[in-house]
């Protein structure tokens, strides 16, 4: 399964928020932030906290990419 967090990074730019600010606001561990940068899976709990901080929905921060 492949995911892309490009929408999250674009959203942070629109919100004028750094990844470090998001990490602190959503209480995300540095290891989890590394998973985002490596396009690895993260827990639904983390995604829920991010959605709450950014007042958005899952589809606005993560995209499923089907494997070929």
PDB file of N, CA and C in Angstrom:
ATOM      1  N   UNK A   1       0.851  -1.173   0.000  1.00  0.00           N
ATOM      2  CA  UNK A   1       0.000   0.000   0.000  1.00  0.00           C
ATOM      3  C   UNK A   1       0.897   1.237   0.000  1.00  0.00           C
ATOM      4  N   UNK A   2       0.570   2.197  -0.846  1.00  0.00           N
ATOM      5  CA  UNK A   2       1.358   3.416  -0.944  1.00  0.00           C
ATOM      6  C   UNK A   2       0.490   4.628  -0.612  1.00  0.00           C
ATOM      7  N   UNK A   3       1.079   5.555   0.100  1.00  0.00           N
ATOM      8  CA  UNK A   3       0.384   6.791   0.439  1.00  0.00           C
ATOM      9  C   UNK A   3       1.278   7.977   0.101  1.00  0.00           C
ATOM     10  N   UNK A   4       0.643   9.112  -0.092  1.00  0.00           N
ATOM     11  CA  UNK A   4       1.358  10.357  -0.334  1.00  0.00           C
ATOM     12  C   UNK A   4       0.824  11.401   0.636  1.00  0.00           C
ATOM     13  N   UNK A   5       1.741  12.138   1.247  1.00  0.00           N
ATOM     14  CA  UNK A   5       1.361  13.215   2.154  1.00  0.00           C
ATOM     15  C   UNK A   5       1.622  14.584   1.539  1.00  0.00           C
ATOM     16  N   UNK A   6       1.734  14.635   0.211  1.00  0.00           N
ATOM     17  CA  UNK A   6       1.973  15.913  -0.456  1.00  0.00           C
ATOM     18  C   UNK A   6       0.889  16.937  -0.138  1.00  0.00           C
ATOM     19  N   UNK A   7      -0.344  16.462  -0.011  1.00  0.00           N
ATOM     20  CA  UNK A   7      -1.440  17.371   0.321  1.00  0.00           C
ATOM     21  C   UNK A   7      -1.239  17.990   1.707  1.00  0.00           C
ATOM     22  N   UNK A   8      -0.684  17.217   2.626  1.00  0.00           N
ATOM     23  CA  UNK A   8      -0.404  17.749   3.963  1.00  0.00           C
ATOM     24  C   UNK A   8       0.619  18.872   3.877  1.00  0.00           C
ATOM     25  N   UNK A   9       1.705  18.646   3.137  1.00  0.00           N
ATOM     26  CA  UNK A   9       2.754  19.665   3.037  1.00  0.00           C
ATOM     27  C   UNK A   9       2.218  20.930   2.377  1.00  0.00           C
ATOM     28  N   UNK A  10       1.370  20.777   1.356  1.00  0.00           N
ATOM     29  CA  UNK A  10       0.771  21.943   0.704  1.00  0.00           C
ATOM     30  C   UNK A  10      -0.156  22.678   1.664  1.00  0.00           C
ATOM     31  N   UNK A  11      -0.889  21.903   2.457  1.00  0.00           N
ATOM     32  CA  UNK A  11      -1.808  22.514   3.427  1.00  0.00           C
ATOM     33  C   UNK A  11      -1.039  23.315   4.478  1.00  0.00           C
ATOM     34  N   UNK A  12       0.086  22.775   4.925  1.00  0.00           N
ATOM     35  CA  UNK A  12       0.907  23.494   5.903  1.00  0.00           C
ATOM     36  C   UNK A  12       1.413  24.810   5.319  1.00  0.00           C
ATOM     37  N   UNK A  13       1.793  24.808   4.045  1.00  0.00           N
ATOM     38  CA  UNK A  13       2.222  26.045   3.396  1.00  0.00           C
ATOM     39  C   UNK A  13       1.076  27.051   3.370  1.00  0.00           C
ATOM     40  N   UNK A  14      -0.122  26.584   3.007  1.00  0.00           N
ATOM     41  CA  UNK A  14      -1.292  27.469   2.972  1.00  0.00           C
ATOM     42  C   UNK A  14      -1.603  28.047   4.347  1.00  0.00           C
ATOM     43  N   UNK A  15      -1.400  27.245   5.383  1.00  0.00           N
ATOM     44  CA  UNK A  15      -1.684  27.675   6.760  1.00  0.00           C
ATOM     45  C   UNK A  15      -0.524  28.460   7.371  1.00  0.00           C
ATOM     46  N   UNK A  16       0.590  28.572   6.613  1.00  0.00           N
ATOM     47  CA  UNK A  16       1.803  29.225   7.109  1.00  0.00           C
ATOM     48  C   UNK A  16       2.272  28.590   8.417  1.00  0.00           C
ATOM     49  N   UNK A  17       2.288  27.254   8.410  1.00  0.00           N
ATOM     50  CA  UNK A  17       2.677  26.469   9.580  1.00  0.00           C
ATOM     51  C   UNK A  17       3.822  25.545   9.190  1.00  0.00           C
ATOM     52  N   UNK A  18       4.820  25.452  10.033  1.00  0.00           N
ATOM     53  CA  UNK A  18       5.943  24.549   9.754  1.00  0.00           C
ATOM     54  C   UNK A  18       5.601  23.144  10.240  1.00  0.00           C
ATOM     55  N   UNK A  19       6.359  22.180   9.762  1.00  0.00           N
ATOM     56  CA  UNK A  19       6.182  20.799  10.211  1.00  0.00           C
ATOM     57  C   UNK A  19       6.458  20.700  11.711  1.00  0.00           C
ATOM     58  N   UNK A  20       7.421  21.456  12.196  1.00  0.00           N
ATOM     59  CA  UNK A  20       7.738  21.443  13.630  1.00  0.00           C
ATOM     60  C   UNK A  20       6.586  21.999  14.455  1.00  0.00           C
ATOM     61  N   UNK A  21       5.942  23.045  13.957  1.00  0.00           N
ATOM     62  CA  UNK A  21       4.787  23.611  14.664  1.00  0.00           C
ATOM     63  C   UNK A  21       3.634  22.614  14.694  1.00  0.00           C
ATOM     64  N   UNK A  22       3.414  21.929  13.585  1.00  0.00           N
ATOM     65  CA  UNK A  22       2.363  20.913  13.544  1.00  0.00           C
ATOM     66  C   UNK A  22       2.683  19.782  14.518  1.00  0.00           C
ATOM     67  N   UNK A  23       3.934  19.352  14.531  1.00  0.00           N
ATOM     68  CA  UNK A  23       4.348  18.264  15.410  1.00  0.00           C
ATOM     69  C   UNK A  23       4.058  18.602  16.862  1.00  0.00           C
ATOM     70  N   UNK A  24       4.365  19.816  17.262  1.00  0.00           N
ATOM     71  CA  UNK A  24       4.116  20.232  18.646  1.00  0.00           C
ATOM     72  C   UNK A  24       2.626  20.374  18.929  1.00  0.00           C
ATOM     73  N   UNK A  25       1.901  20.991  18.009  1.00  0.00           N
ATOM     74  CA  UNK A  25       0.470  21.225  18.217  1.00  0.00           C
ATOM     75  C   UNK A  25      -0.326  19.927  18.291  1.00  0.00           C
ATOM     76  N   UNK A  26       0.057  18.933  17.482  1.00  0.00           N
ATOM     77  CA  UNK A  26      -0.675  17.668  17.428  1.00  0.00           C
ATOM     78  C   UNK A  26      -0.035  16.592  18.303  1.00  0.00           C
ATOM     79  N   UNK A  27       1.018  16.948  19.020  1.00  0.00           N
ATOM     80  CA  UNK A  27       1.724  16.011  19.910  1.00  0.00           C
ATOM     81  C   UNK A  27       2.157  14.762  19.148  1.00  0.00           C
ATOM     82  N   UNK A  28       2.895  15.000  18.057  1.00  0.00           N
ATOM     83  CA  UNK A  28       3.379  13.922  17.203  1.00  0.00           C
ATOM     84  C   UNK A  28       4.852  13.690  17.504  1.00  0.00           C
ATOM     85  N   UNK A  29       5.246  12.440  17.605  1.00  0.00           N
ATOM     86  CA  UNK A  29       6.639  12.119  17.904  1.00  0.00           C
ATOM     87  C   UNK A  29       7.524  12.409  16.690  1.00  0.00           C
ATOM     88  N   UNK A  30       8.806  12.684  16.940  1.00  0.00           N
ATOM     89  CA  UNK A  30       9.734  12.889  15.819  1.00  0.00           C
ATOM     90  C   UNK A  30       9.797  11.677  14.882  1.00  0.00           C
ATOM     91  N   UNK A  31       9.694  10.475  15.445  1.00  0.00           N
ATOM     92  CA  UNK A  31       9.712   9.265  14.605  1.00  0.00           C
ATOM     93  C   UNK A  31       8.526   9.223  13.647  1.00  0.00           C
ATOM     94  N   UNK A  32       7.383   9.665  14.119  1.00  0.00           N
ATOM     95  CA  UNK A  32       6.193   9.685  13.262  1.00  0.00           C
ATOM     96  C   UNK A  32       6.350  10.724  12.163  1.00  0.00           C
ATOM     97  N   UNK A  33       6.953  11.864  12.486  1.00  0.00           N
ATOM     98  CA  UNK A  33       7.192  12.876  11.459  1.00  0.00           C
ATOM     99  C   UNK A  33       8.125  12.330  10.382  1.00  0.00           C
ATOM    100  N   UNK A  34       9.083  11.514  10.789  1.00  0.00           N
ATOM    101  CA  UNK A  34       9.978  10.879   9.829  1.00  0.00           C
ATOM    102  C   UNK A  34       9.185   9.969   8.893  1.00  0.00           C
ATOM    103  N   UNK A  35       8.186   9.269   9.440  1.00  0.00           N
ATOM    104  CA  UNK A  35       7.330   8.415   8.612  1.00  0.00           C
ATOM    105  C   UNK A  35       6.604   9.237   7.557  1.00  0.00           C
ATOM    106  N   UNK A  36       6.147  10.424   7.941  1.00  0.00           N
ATOM    107  CA  UNK A  36       5.493  11.297   6.962  1.00  0.00           C
ATOM    108  C   UNK A  36       6.452  11.646   5.833  1.00  0.00           C
ATOM    109  N   UNK A  37       7.670  12.011   6.174  1.00  0.00           N
ATOM    110  CA  UNK A  37       8.649  12.406   5.159  1.00  0.00           C
ATOM    111  C   UNK A  37       9.043  11.235   4.262  1.00  0.00           C
ATOM    112  N   UNK A  38       8.992  10.012   4.803  1.00  0.00           N
ATOM    113  CA  UNK A  38       9.337   8.823   4.020  1.00  0.00           C
ATOM    114  C   UNK A  38       8.118   8.212   3.328  1.00  0.00           C
ATOM    115  N   UNK A  39       6.958   8.885   3.467  1.00  0.00           N
ATOM    116  CA  UNK A  39       5.713   8.408   2.856  1.00  0.00           C
ATOM    117  C   UNK A  39       5.339   7.013   3.350  1.00  0.00           C
ATOM    118  N   UNK A  40       5.519   6.792   4.654  1.00  0.00           N
ATOM    119  CA  UNK A  40       5.135   5.530   5.279  1.00  0.00           C
ATOM    120  C   UNK A  40       3.793   5.701   5.982  1.00  0.00           C
ATOM    121  N   UNK A  41       3.158   4.584   6.322  1.00  0.00           N
ATOM    122  CA  UNK A  41       1.866   4.628   6.996  1.00  0.00           C
ATOM    123  C   UNK A  41       2.011   5.138   8.428  1.00  0.00           C
ATOM    124  N   UNK A  42       1.026   5.924   8.854  1.00  0.00           N
ATOM    125  CA  UNK A  42       0.951   6.384  10.240  1.00  0.00           C
ATOM    126  C   UNK A  42      -0.420   6.001  10.781  1.00  0.00           C
ATOM    127  N   UNK A  43      -0.587   6.077  12.084  1.00  0.00           N
ATOM    128  CA  UNK A  43      -1.841   5.632  12.695  1.00  0.00           C
ATOM    129  C   UNK A  43      -2.985   6.607  12.412  1.00  0.00           C
ATOM    130  N   UNK A  44      -4.185   6.080  12.471  1.00  0.00           N
ATOM    131  CA  UNK A  44      -5.381   6.908  12.301  1.00  0.00           C
ATOM    132  C   UNK A  44      -5.469   7.947  13.406  1.00  0.00           C
ATOM    133  N   UNK A  45      -5.001   7.605  14.593  1.00  0.00           N
ATOM    134  CA  UNK A  45      -5.012   8.553  15.710  1.00  0.00           C
ATOM    135  C   UNK A  45      -4.220   9.807  15.363  1.00  0.00           C
ATOM    136  N   UNK A  46      -3.051   9.625  14.775  1.00  0.00           N
ATOM    137  CA  UNK A  46      -2.214  10.764  14.386  1.00  0.00           C
ATOM    138  C   UNK A  46      -2.923  11.581  13.305  1.00  0.00           C
ATOM    139  N   UNK A  47      -3.493  10.909  12.326  1.00  0.00           N
ATOM    140  CA  UNK A  47      -4.204  11.622  11.267  1.00  0.00           C
ATOM    141  C   UNK A  47      -5.395  12.396  11.822  1.00  0.00           C
ATOM    142  N   UNK A  48      -6.091  11.819  12.790  1.00  0.00           N
ATOM    143  CA  UNK A  48      -7.221  12.511  13.424  1.00  0.00           C
ATOM    144  C   UNK A  48      -6.761  13.780  14.138  1.00  0.00           C
ATOM    145  N   UNK A  49      -5.641  13.687  14.859  1.00  0.00           N
ATOM    146  CA  UNK A  49      -5.117  14.869  15.559  1.00  0.00           C
ATOM    147  C   UNK A  49      -4.725  15.964  14.571  1.00  0.00           C
ATOM    148  N   UNK A  50      -4.120  15.579  13.455  1.00  0.00           N
ATOM    149  CA  UNK A  50      -3.741  16.562  12.440  1.00  0.00           C
ATOM    150  C   UNK A  50      -4.985  17.210  11.839  1.00  0.00           C
ATOM    151  N   UNK A  51      -5.982  16.403  11.520  1.00  0.00           N
ATOM    152  CA  UNK A  51      -7.231  16.942  10.975  1.00  0.00           C
ATOM    153  C   UNK A  51      -7.882  17.923  11.947  1.00  0.00           C
ATOM    154  N   UNK A  52      -7.815  17.615  13.218  1.00  0.00           N
ATOM    155  CA  UNK A  52      -8.381  18.496  14.232  1.00  0.00           C
ATOM    156  C   UNK A  52      -7.644  19.831  14.270  1.00  0.00           C
ATOM    157  N   UNK A  53      -6.319  19.783  14.216  1.00  0.00           N
ATOM    158  CA  UNK A  53      -5.510  21.008  14.257  1.00  0.00           C
ATOM    159  C   UNK A  53      -5.760  21.858  13.006  1.00  0.00           C
ATOM    160  N   UNK A  54      -5.811  21.214  11.844  1.00  0.00           N
ATOM    161  CA  UNK A  54      -5.949  21.939  10.581  1.00  0.00           C
ATOM    162  C   UNK A  54      -7.403  22.162  10.165  1.00  0.00           C
ATOM    163  N   UNK A  55      -8.354  21.657  10.952  1.00  0.00           N
ATOM    164  CA  UNK A  55      -9.788  21.783  10.649  1.00  0.00           C
ATOM    165  C   UNK A  55     -10.072  21.295   9.230  1.00  0.00           C
ATOM    166  N   UNK A  56      -9.698  20.045   8.992  1.00  0.00           N
ATOM    167  CA  UNK A  56      -9.818  19.478   7.656  1.00  0.00           C
ATOM    168  C   UNK A  56     -10.217  18.013   7.720  1.00  0.00           C
ATOM    169  N   UNK A  57     -10.222  17.346   6.594  1.00  0.00           N
ATOM    170  CA  UNK A  57     -10.608  15.945   6.478  1.00  0.00           C
ATOM    171  C   UNK A  57      -9.411  15.126   5.996  1.00  0.00           C
ATOM    172  N   UNK A  58      -9.468  13.815   6.185  1.00  0.00           N
ATOM    173  CA  UNK A  58      -8.358  12.937   5.778  1.00  0.00           C
ATOM    174  C   UNK A  58      -7.945  13.149   4.325  1.00  0.00           C
ATOM    175  N   UNK A  59      -8.917  13.239   3.452  1.00  0.00           N
ATOM    176  CA  UNK A  59      -8.637  13.373   2.030  1.00  0.00           C
ATOM    177  C   UNK A  59      -7.900  14.652   1.670  1.00  0.00           C
ATOM    178  N   UNK A  60      -7.881  15.606   2.587  1.00  0.00           N
ATOM    179  CA  UNK A  60      -7.177  16.859   2.339  1.00  0.00           C
ATOM    180  C   UNK A  60      -5.714  16.801   2.759  1.00  0.00           C
ATOM    181  N   UNK A  61      -5.304  15.699   3.417  1.00  0.00           N
ATOM    182  CA  UNK A  61      -3.910  15.622   3.883  1.00  0.00           C
ATOM    183  C   UNK A  61      -3.193  14.362   3.428  1.00  0.00           C
ATOM    184  N   UNK A  62      -3.931  13.340   3.031  1.00  0.00           N
ATOM    185  CA  UNK A  62      -3.300  12.090   2.609  1.00  0.00           C
ATOM    186  C   UNK A  62      -3.991  11.568   1.356  1.00  0.00           C
ATOM    187  N   UNK A  63      -3.203  10.924   0.504  1.00  0.00           N
ATOM    188  CA  UNK A  63      -3.742  10.363  -0.730  1.00  0.00           C
ATOM    189  C   UNK A  63      -3.274   8.928  -0.880  1.00  0.00           C
ATOM    190  N   UNK A  64      -4.186   8.033  -1.188  1.00  0.00           N
ATOM    191  CA  UNK A  64      -3.867   6.640  -1.450  1.00  0.00           C
ATOM    192  C   UNK A  64      -3.400   6.509  -2.881  1.00  0.00           C
ATOM    193  N   UNK A  65      -2.283   5.844  -3.079  1.00  0.00           N
ATOM    194  CA  UNK A  65      -1.747   5.629  -4.418  1.00  0.00           C
ATOM    195  C   UNK A  65      -1.729   4.126  -4.698  1.00  0.00           C
ATOM    196  N   UNK A  66      -2.599   3.659  -5.600  1.00  0.00           N
ATOM    197  CA  UNK A  66      -2.636   2.225  -5.885  1.00  0.00           C
ATOM    198  C   UNK A  66      -1.314   1.750  -6.485  1.00  0.00           C
ATOM    199  N   UNK A  67      -0.900   0.577  -6.057  1.00  0.00           N
ATOM    200  CA  UNK A  67       0.331  -0.012  -6.594  1.00  0.00           C
ATOM    201  C   UNK A  67       0.002  -0.646  -7.941  1.00  0.00           C
ATOM    202  N   UNK A  68       0.964  -0.615  -8.831  1.00  0.00           N
ATOM    203  CA  UNK A  68       0.736  -1.170 -10.170  1.00  0.00           C
ATOM    204  C   UNK A  68       1.189  -2.598 -10.239  1.00  0.00           C
TER     205      UNK A  68
END
